[in-house]
Amino acid sequence: MFFASRRRQDSDPHLDWKVRLFFIGAFLAAVGIAAERAWLVVAAIVVLFIGVGLRFLPGPGEDTDEP
């Protein structure tokens, strides 16, 4: 069974940017849907994927090479 744990040892260094990109992507998607512009919806999807991609970036001071 899967249990999501909200307890983390350190804070997420990219959390502010993830939240900003989520709101920008949501806004672009809403405007694109209302205006019926497919390119704007695609741009929103790209922005959201960039936000998801921030999850995989190492934070400052993290060592990417494991011994």
N, C-alpha and C. Protein backbone atom coordinates (compact mmCIF):
# COMPACT_ATOMS: atom_id res chain seq x y z
N MET A 1 0.83 -1.16 0.00
CA MET A 1 0.00 0.00 0.00
C MET A 1 0.89 1.25 0.00
N PHE A 2 0.43 2.30 -0.60
CA PHE A 2 1.20 3.53 -0.73
C PHE A 2 0.67 4.56 0.26
N PHE A 3 1.58 5.13 1.05
CA PHE A 3 1.22 6.19 1.96
C PHE A 3 2.10 7.39 1.67
N ALA A 4 1.47 8.49 1.32
CA ALA A 4 2.23 9.71 1.04
C ALA A 4 2.62 10.36 2.35
N SER A 5 3.88 10.67 2.48
CA SER A 5 4.38 11.32 3.69
C SER A 5 4.69 12.77 3.37
N ARG A 6 4.13 13.66 4.14
CA ARG A 6 4.39 15.09 3.95
C ARG A 6 5.60 15.55 4.75
N ARG A 7 6.14 14.68 5.57
CA ARG A 7 7.30 15.05 6.38
C ARG A 7 8.56 14.89 5.53
N ARG A 8 9.27 15.99 5.35
CA ARG A 8 10.51 15.97 4.60
C ARG A 8 11.60 16.53 5.48
N GLN A 9 12.80 16.07 5.25
CA GLN A 9 13.92 16.52 6.05
C GLN A 9 14.33 17.95 5.70
N ASP A 10 14.21 18.32 4.45
CA ASP A 10 14.59 19.65 4.03
C ASP A 10 13.49 20.24 3.16
N SER A 11 13.52 21.55 3.01
CA SER A 11 12.51 22.20 2.19
C SER A 11 12.87 22.08 0.71
N ASP A 12 11.89 22.25 -0.12
CA ASP A 12 12.09 22.16 -1.56
C ASP A 12 12.64 23.49 -2.08
N PRO A 13 13.84 23.50 -2.65
CA PRO A 13 14.42 24.77 -3.09
C PRO A 13 13.71 25.38 -4.30
N HIS A 14 12.95 24.58 -5.02
CA HIS A 14 12.28 25.07 -6.22
C HIS A 14 10.77 25.24 -6.02
N LEU A 15 10.31 25.20 -4.78
CA LEU A 15 8.87 25.24 -4.52
C LEU A 15 8.24 26.54 -5.01
N ASP A 16 8.90 27.67 -4.80
CA ASP A 16 8.34 28.94 -5.24
C ASP A 16 8.12 28.96 -6.75
N TRP A 17 9.11 28.48 -7.49
CA TRP A 17 8.98 28.47 -8.95
C TRP A 17 7.94 27.47 -9.42
N LYS A 18 7.82 26.34 -8.74
CA LYS A 18 6.80 25.37 -9.10
C LYS A 18 5.40 25.95 -8.95
N VAL A 19 5.18 26.67 -7.86
CA VAL A 19 3.87 27.28 -7.62
C VAL A 19 3.60 28.37 -8.65
N ARG A 20 4.60 29.19 -8.92
CA ARG A 20 4.43 30.24 -9.93
C ARG A 20 4.10 29.65 -11.30
N LEU A 21 4.84 28.63 -11.69
CA LEU A 21 4.60 28.02 -12.99
C LEU A 21 3.24 27.34 -13.05
N PHE A 22 2.80 26.76 -11.94
CA PHE A 22 1.47 26.15 -11.92
C PHE A 22 0.40 27.21 -12.17
N PHE A 23 0.48 28.34 -11.48
CA PHE A 23 -0.53 29.38 -11.67
C PHE A 23 -0.46 30.00 -13.07
N ILE A 24 0.74 30.20 -13.59
CA ILE A 24 0.88 30.72 -14.95
C ILE A 24 0.28 29.73 -15.95
N GLY A 25 0.60 28.44 -15.79
CA GLY A 25 0.06 27.42 -16.69
C GLY A 25 -1.45 27.32 -16.61
N ALA A 26 -1.99 27.39 -15.39
CA ALA A 26 -3.44 27.32 -15.23
C ALA A 26 -4.12 28.53 -15.86
N PHE A 27 -3.52 29.71 -15.68
CA PHE A 27 -4.07 30.92 -16.28
C PHE A 27 -4.05 30.84 -17.81
N LEU A 28 -2.91 30.42 -18.35
CA LEU A 28 -2.80 30.30 -19.81
C LEU A 28 -3.81 29.28 -20.36
N ALA A 29 -3.98 28.18 -19.64
CA ALA A 29 -4.94 27.17 -20.09
C ALA A 29 -6.36 27.71 -20.07
N ALA A 30 -6.73 28.42 -19.01
CA ALA A 30 -8.08 28.97 -18.92
C ALA A 30 -8.34 30.00 -20.02
N VAL A 31 -7.36 30.86 -20.26
CA VAL A 31 -7.52 31.86 -21.32
C VAL A 31 -7.56 31.18 -22.68
N GLY A 32 -6.71 30.19 -22.88
CA GLY A 32 -6.70 29.47 -24.16
C GLY A 32 -8.00 28.74 -24.43
N ILE A 33 -8.56 28.14 -23.39
CA ILE A 33 -9.84 27.45 -23.57
C ILE A 33 -10.95 28.45 -23.84
N ALA A 34 -10.98 29.56 -23.09
CA ALA A 34 -12.02 30.58 -23.29
C ALA A 34 -11.92 31.23 -24.67
N ALA A 35 -10.70 31.45 -25.14
CA ALA A 35 -10.51 32.10 -26.44
C ALA A 35 -10.49 31.09 -27.59
N GLU A 36 -10.55 29.82 -27.24
CA GLU A 36 -10.50 28.74 -28.23
C GLU A 36 -9.24 28.82 -29.09
N ARG A 37 -8.12 29.01 -28.43
CA ARG A 37 -6.81 29.07 -29.09
C ARG A 37 -6.00 27.85 -28.68
N ALA A 38 -5.81 26.95 -29.61
CA ALA A 38 -5.10 25.70 -29.31
C ALA A 38 -3.64 25.96 -28.96
N TRP A 39 -3.02 26.93 -29.61
CA TRP A 39 -1.61 27.19 -29.33
C TRP A 39 -1.40 27.70 -27.91
N LEU A 40 -2.39 28.41 -27.37
CA LEU A 40 -2.28 28.91 -26.01
C LEU A 40 -2.42 27.77 -24.99
N VAL A 41 -3.28 26.82 -25.30
CA VAL A 41 -3.42 25.64 -24.44
C VAL A 41 -2.14 24.81 -24.48
N VAL A 42 -1.55 24.67 -25.66
CA VAL A 42 -0.28 23.94 -25.78
C VAL A 42 0.82 24.66 -25.01
N ALA A 43 0.85 25.97 -25.06
CA ALA A 43 1.83 26.74 -24.29
C ALA A 43 1.63 26.51 -22.79
N ALA A 44 0.39 26.43 -22.35
CA ALA A 44 0.11 26.15 -20.94
C ALA A 44 0.61 24.77 -20.54
N ILE A 45 0.43 23.80 -21.41
CA ILE A 45 0.91 22.45 -21.12
C ILE A 45 2.43 22.43 -21.02
N VAL A 46 3.09 23.17 -21.89
CA VAL A 46 4.55 23.24 -21.84
C VAL A 46 5.01 23.87 -20.53
N VAL A 47 4.35 24.94 -20.11
CA VAL A 47 4.70 25.59 -18.85
C VAL A 47 4.51 24.64 -17.68
N LEU A 48 3.43 23.87 -17.69
CA LEU A 48 3.18 22.90 -16.61
C LEU A 48 4.23 21.80 -16.60
N PHE A 49 4.64 21.35 -17.77
CA PHE A 49 5.70 20.32 -17.83
C PHE A 49 7.04 20.86 -17.33
N ILE A 50 7.31 22.13 -17.58
CA ILE A 50 8.53 22.73 -17.05
C ILE A 50 8.48 22.72 -15.52
N GLY A 51 7.32 23.01 -14.96
CA GLY A 51 7.16 22.96 -13.52
C GLY A 51 7.38 21.57 -12.97
N VAL A 52 6.89 20.57 -13.68
CA VAL A 52 7.11 19.19 -13.26
C VAL A 52 8.59 18.83 -13.38
N GLY A 53 9.24 19.34 -14.40
CA GLY A 53 10.66 19.06 -14.60
C GLY A 53 11.54 19.62 -13.50
N LEU A 54 11.08 20.68 -12.81
CA LEU A 54 11.85 21.24 -11.71
C LEU A 54 12.00 20.25 -10.56
N ARG A 55 11.13 19.28 -10.52
CA ARG A 55 11.19 18.28 -9.46
C ARG A 55 12.49 17.47 -9.53
N PHE A 56 13.02 17.31 -10.71
CA PHE A 56 14.18 16.46 -10.91
C PHE A 56 15.52 17.21 -10.87
N LEU A 57 15.48 18.51 -10.68
CA LEU A 57 16.71 19.28 -10.56
C LEU A 57 17.24 19.18 -9.14
N PRO A 58 18.54 19.05 -9.00
CA PRO A 58 19.10 19.01 -7.64
C PRO A 58 19.06 20.39 -7.02
N GLY A 59 18.90 20.42 -5.71
CA GLY A 59 18.88 21.68 -4.99
C GLY A 59 20.28 22.19 -4.76
N PRO A 60 20.42 23.40 -4.28
CA PRO A 60 21.75 23.94 -4.00
C PRO A 60 22.43 23.14 -2.88
N GLY A 61 23.66 22.79 -3.10
CA GLY A 61 24.40 22.05 -2.09
C GLY A 61 24.22 20.55 -2.16
N GLU A 62 23.37 20.07 -3.04
CA GLU A 62 23.17 18.63 -3.18
C GLU A 62 24.24 18.06 -4.11
N ASP A 63 24.78 16.95 -3.74
CA ASP A 63 25.79 16.29 -4.55
C ASP A 63 25.10 15.31 -5.49
N THR A 64 25.32 15.48 -6.78
CA THR A 64 24.66 14.60 -7.75
C THR A 64 25.39 13.29 -7.93
N ASP A 65 26.68 13.23 -7.57
CA ASP A 65 27.45 11.99 -7.69
C ASP A 65 27.39 11.23 -6.37
N GLU A 66 26.93 10.00 -6.45
CA GLU A 66 26.86 9.16 -5.26
C GLU A 66 28.10 8.27 -5.20
N PRO A 67 28.68 8.11 -4.01
CA PRO A 67 29.89 7.29 -3.93
C PRO A 67 29.62 5.83 -4.15
